[in-house]
Amino acid sequence: MRLKDKVALITGAGGGIGRAVALRFSKEGASVVVSDMDEASVNETVKAVVDGGGKAVAVVGSVTARDDVQKMVDAATSNFGKLDIL
């Protein structure tokens, strides 16, 4: 549990490497904010994290949009109280 009590924001988490990172961080104890432009796929990632016993919230958005990035940071702080890892 190397990431116990840490909060991570993971972009591109709807699939591929991003999803794998979210799942691994969760297994290591991190709460994760997962973001992707595809709502269905990012919700699947949240479900996989939660089904594995972890904590996750989804944010639909793009890192190229300032307002979306702010939503991601806000989701971390409002749901988990902080943000440790980007």
N, C-alpha and C. Protein backbone atom coordinates (compact mmCIF):
# COMPACT_ATOMS: atom_id res chain seq x y z
N MET A 1 0.84 -1.19 0.00
CA MET A 1 0.00 0.00 0.00
C MET A 1 0.88 1.26 0.00
N ARG A 2 1.69 1.38 -1.01
CA ARG A 2 2.63 2.49 -1.10
C ARG A 2 1.96 3.85 -1.26
N LEU A 3 0.71 3.88 -1.71
CA LEU A 3 0.02 5.14 -1.94
C LEU A 3 -1.14 5.36 -0.97
N LYS A 4 -1.09 4.68 0.15
CA LYS A 4 -2.15 4.80 1.15
C LYS A 4 -2.35 6.26 1.54
N ASP A 5 -3.61 6.67 1.56
CA ASP A 5 -4.02 8.02 1.94
C ASP A 5 -3.60 9.10 0.95
N LYS A 6 -3.19 8.72 -0.25
CA LYS A 6 -2.87 9.69 -1.30
C LYS A 6 -4.07 9.82 -2.22
N VAL A 7 -4.16 10.96 -2.91
CA VAL A 7 -5.20 11.20 -3.89
C VAL A 7 -4.53 11.50 -5.23
N ALA A 8 -4.92 10.76 -6.25
CA ALA A 8 -4.31 10.90 -7.56
C ALA A 8 -5.35 11.31 -8.60
N LEU A 9 -4.94 12.18 -9.50
CA LEU A 9 -5.73 12.57 -10.66
C LEU A 9 -5.10 11.91 -11.87
N ILE A 10 -5.89 11.08 -12.56
CA ILE A 10 -5.38 10.34 -13.70
C ILE A 10 -6.23 10.67 -14.91
N THR A 11 -5.58 11.24 -15.93
CA THR A 11 -6.27 11.59 -17.16
C THR A 11 -6.14 10.46 -18.17
N GLY A 12 -7.02 10.46 -19.14
CA GLY A 12 -7.02 9.38 -20.12
C GLY A 12 -7.35 8.05 -19.51
N ALA A 13 -8.13 8.08 -18.44
CA ALA A 13 -8.39 6.87 -17.64
C ALA A 13 -9.57 6.05 -18.13
N GLY A 14 -10.10 6.38 -19.29
CA GLY A 14 -11.20 5.62 -19.83
C GLY A 14 -10.79 4.28 -20.40
N GLY A 15 -9.51 4.08 -20.59
CA GLY A 15 -9.03 2.82 -21.14
C GLY A 15 -7.52 2.81 -21.21
N GLY A 16 -6.98 1.73 -21.71
CA GLY A 16 -5.54 1.62 -21.95
C GLY A 16 -4.68 1.87 -20.73
N ILE A 17 -3.60 2.61 -20.95
CA ILE A 17 -2.64 2.89 -19.88
C ILE A 17 -3.28 3.67 -18.74
N GLY A 18 -4.13 4.65 -19.06
CA GLY A 18 -4.77 5.44 -18.02
C GLY A 18 -5.61 4.60 -17.08
N ARG A 19 -6.39 3.67 -17.65
CA ARG A 19 -7.20 2.77 -16.81
C ARG A 19 -6.29 1.88 -15.97
N ALA A 20 -5.24 1.35 -16.59
CA ALA A 20 -4.32 0.48 -15.86
C ALA A 20 -3.67 1.22 -14.69
N VAL A 21 -3.30 2.47 -14.91
CA VAL A 21 -2.70 3.28 -13.84
C VAL A 21 -3.71 3.50 -12.72
N ALA A 22 -4.94 3.84 -13.08
CA ALA A 22 -5.97 4.06 -12.06
C ALA A 22 -6.18 2.81 -11.21
N LEU A 23 -6.25 1.67 -11.86
CA LEU A 23 -6.46 0.42 -11.12
C LEU A 23 -5.27 0.10 -10.23
N ARG A 24 -4.07 0.32 -10.73
CA ARG A 24 -2.86 0.03 -9.94
C ARG A 24 -2.73 0.98 -8.76
N PHE A 25 -2.94 2.28 -9.01
CA PHE A 25 -2.86 3.24 -7.92
C PHE A 25 -3.88 2.89 -6.84
N SER A 26 -5.08 2.50 -7.26
CA SER A 26 -6.11 2.13 -6.30
C SER A 26 -5.67 0.92 -5.48
N LYS A 27 -5.11 -0.07 -6.13
CA LYS A 27 -4.63 -1.26 -5.40
C LYS A 27 -3.52 -0.91 -4.42
N GLU A 28 -2.79 0.18 -4.71
CA GLU A 28 -1.72 0.63 -3.83
C GLU A 28 -2.23 1.59 -2.75
N GLY A 29 -3.57 1.80 -2.69
CA GLY A 29 -4.16 2.56 -1.61
C GLY A 29 -4.62 3.97 -1.93
N ALA A 30 -4.38 4.44 -3.14
CA ALA A 30 -4.78 5.80 -3.49
C ALA A 30 -6.27 5.89 -3.81
N SER A 31 -6.85 7.01 -3.47
CA SER A 31 -8.17 7.37 -3.99
C SER A 31 -7.89 8.05 -5.32
N VAL A 32 -8.72 7.78 -6.33
CA VAL A 32 -8.41 8.30 -7.65
C VAL A 32 -9.56 9.11 -8.24
N VAL A 33 -9.18 10.20 -8.87
CA VAL A 33 -10.07 10.97 -9.72
C VAL A 33 -9.68 10.59 -11.13
N VAL A 34 -10.60 9.98 -11.86
CA VAL A 34 -10.29 9.52 -13.20
C VAL A 34 -11.02 10.39 -14.21
N SER A 35 -10.30 10.79 -15.23
CA SER A 35 -10.86 11.68 -16.23
C SER A 35 -10.64 11.14 -17.63
N ASP A 36 -11.62 11.41 -18.47
CA ASP A 36 -11.54 11.05 -19.89
C ASP A 36 -12.63 11.84 -20.60
N MET A 37 -12.51 11.95 -21.90
CA MET A 37 -13.54 12.65 -22.67
C MET A 37 -14.74 11.76 -22.95
N ASP A 38 -14.60 10.45 -22.76
CA ASP A 38 -15.68 9.50 -23.01
C ASP A 38 -16.33 9.12 -21.68
N GLU A 39 -17.54 9.57 -21.47
CA GLU A 39 -18.22 9.36 -20.19
C GLU A 39 -18.43 7.89 -19.85
N ALA A 40 -18.86 7.10 -20.82
CA ALA A 40 -19.13 5.68 -20.55
C ALA A 40 -17.86 4.95 -20.12
N SER A 41 -16.76 5.22 -20.80
CA SER A 41 -15.53 4.50 -20.47
C SER A 41 -14.94 4.94 -19.14
N VAL A 42 -15.04 6.21 -18.81
CA VAL A 42 -14.50 6.65 -17.52
C VAL A 42 -15.36 6.12 -16.38
N ASN A 43 -16.67 5.98 -16.62
CA ASN A 43 -17.53 5.38 -15.60
C ASN A 43 -17.22 3.89 -15.41
N GLU A 44 -16.83 3.21 -16.49
CA GLU A 44 -16.40 1.81 -16.37
C GLU A 44 -15.15 1.70 -15.50
N THR A 45 -14.24 2.66 -15.65
CA THR A 45 -13.03 2.65 -14.83
C THR A 45 -13.38 2.85 -13.36
N VAL A 46 -14.27 3.79 -13.07
CA VAL A 46 -14.71 4.00 -11.69
C VAL A 46 -15.32 2.72 -11.13
N LYS A 47 -16.16 2.07 -11.90
CA LYS A 47 -16.78 0.82 -11.45
C LYS A 47 -15.72 -0.23 -11.15
N ALA A 48 -14.73 -0.36 -12.01
CA ALA A 48 -13.67 -1.35 -11.79
C ALA A 48 -12.89 -1.05 -10.52
N VAL A 49 -12.62 0.22 -10.27
CA VAL A 49 -11.89 0.61 -9.05
C VAL A 49 -12.74 0.29 -7.82
N VAL A 50 -13.98 0.70 -7.85
CA VAL A 50 -14.87 0.49 -6.70
C VAL A 50 -15.11 -1.01 -6.49
N ASP A 51 -15.31 -1.76 -7.55
CA ASP A 51 -15.50 -3.21 -7.43
C ASP A 51 -14.27 -3.88 -6.81
N GLY A 52 -13.10 -3.27 -7.02
CA GLY A 52 -11.87 -3.80 -6.43
C GLY A 52 -11.61 -3.31 -5.02
N GLY A 53 -12.57 -2.56 -4.46
CA GLY A 53 -12.44 -2.09 -3.09
C GLY A 53 -11.86 -0.70 -2.94
N GLY A 54 -11.64 0.00 -4.06
CA GLY A 54 -11.04 1.33 -4.01
C GLY A 54 -12.06 2.45 -4.03
N LYS A 55 -11.55 3.66 -4.01
CA LYS A 55 -12.38 4.87 -4.05
C LYS A 55 -12.04 5.63 -5.32
N ALA A 56 -13.09 6.03 -6.06
CA ALA A 56 -12.87 6.74 -7.31
C ALA A 56 -14.06 7.63 -7.64
N VAL A 57 -13.78 8.72 -8.33
CA VAL A 57 -14.81 9.57 -8.91
C VAL A 57 -14.41 9.87 -10.34
N ALA A 58 -15.41 10.08 -11.18
CA ALA A 58 -15.17 10.36 -12.59
C ALA A 58 -15.41 11.83 -12.89
N VAL A 59 -14.60 12.33 -13.82
CA VAL A 59 -14.80 13.67 -14.37
C VAL A 59 -14.66 13.54 -15.88
N VAL A 60 -15.70 13.97 -16.59
CA VAL A 60 -15.64 13.96 -18.04
C VAL A 60 -15.04 15.28 -18.49
N GLY A 61 -13.96 15.20 -19.28
CA GLY A 61 -13.35 16.42 -19.74
C GLY A 61 -12.03 16.18 -20.43
N SER A 62 -11.44 17.29 -20.87
CA SER A 62 -10.18 17.26 -21.60
C SER A 62 -9.13 18.11 -20.89
N VAL A 63 -7.91 17.64 -20.89
CA VAL A 63 -6.82 18.42 -20.28
C VAL A 63 -6.50 19.66 -21.11
N THR A 64 -7.04 19.76 -22.30
CA THR A 64 -6.79 20.93 -23.14
C THR A 64 -7.76 22.07 -22.84
N ALA A 65 -8.74 21.83 -21.98
CA ALA A 65 -9.72 22.86 -21.61
C ALA A 65 -9.52 23.25 -20.15
N ARG A 66 -9.17 24.50 -19.95
CA ARG A 66 -8.88 25.00 -18.60
C ARG A 66 -10.01 24.73 -17.61
N ASP A 67 -11.25 24.96 -18.04
CA ASP A 67 -12.39 24.73 -17.14
C ASP A 67 -12.52 23.26 -16.75
N ASP A 68 -12.24 22.36 -17.69
CA ASP A 68 -12.29 20.93 -17.39
C ASP A 68 -11.22 20.54 -16.38
N VAL A 69 -10.03 21.09 -16.55
CA VAL A 69 -8.95 20.80 -15.60
C VAL A 69 -9.32 21.30 -14.21
N GLN A 70 -9.94 22.46 -14.14
CA GLN A 70 -10.39 22.97 -12.84
C GLN A 70 -11.42 22.05 -12.23
N LYS A 71 -12.33 21.49 -13.05
CA LYS A 71 -13.32 20.53 -12.53
C LYS A 71 -12.63 19.29 -11.96
N MET A 72 -11.55 18.85 -12.60
CA MET A 72 -10.82 17.68 -12.12
C MET A 72 -10.20 17.95 -10.75
N VAL A 73 -9.56 19.10 -10.62
CA VAL A 73 -8.94 19.47 -9.34
C VAL A 73 -10.01 19.65 -8.27
N ASP A 74 -11.09 20.31 -8.64
CA ASP A 74 -12.19 20.52 -7.69
C ASP A 74 -12.79 19.18 -7.23
N ALA A 75 -12.89 18.22 -8.14
CA ALA A 75 -13.42 16.90 -7.77
C ALA A 75 -12.53 16.23 -6.74
N ALA A 76 -11.23 16.37 -6.91
CA ALA A 76 -10.29 15.78 -5.95
C ALA A 76 -10.45 16.41 -4.57
N THR A 77 -10.46 17.73 -4.54
CA THR A 77 -10.51 18.40 -3.24
C THR A 77 -11.88 18.27 -2.57
N SER A 78 -12.96 18.31 -3.36
CA SER A 78 -14.28 18.21 -2.73
C SER A 78 -14.61 16.79 -2.29
N ASN A 79 -14.12 15.79 -3.02
CA ASN A 79 -14.42 14.39 -2.66
C ASN A 79 -13.42 13.79 -1.69
N PHE A 80 -12.16 14.19 -1.79
CA PHE A 80 -11.12 13.55 -0.99
C PHE A 80 -10.29 14.52 -0.15
N GLY A 81 -10.57 15.82 -0.26
CA GLY A 81 -9.93 16.79 0.61
C GLY A 81 -8.56 17.29 0.18
N LYS A 82 -8.00 16.71 -0.88
CA LYS A 82 -6.67 17.13 -1.30
C LYS A 82 -6.35 16.51 -2.66
N LEU A 83 -5.19 16.85 -3.17
CA LEU A 83 -4.68 16.25 -4.40
C LEU A 83 -3.18 16.11 -4.25
N ASP A 84 -2.67 14.89 -4.30
CA ASP A 84 -1.25 14.61 -4.10
C ASP A 84 -0.50 14.28 -5.38
N ILE A 85 -1.16 13.62 -6.31
CA ILE A 85 -0.47 13.07 -7.48
C ILE A 85 -1.22 13.45 -8.74
N LEU A 86 -0.47 13.97 -9.70
CA LEU A 86 -1.05 14.26 -11.02
C LEU A 86 -0.45 13.33 -12.03
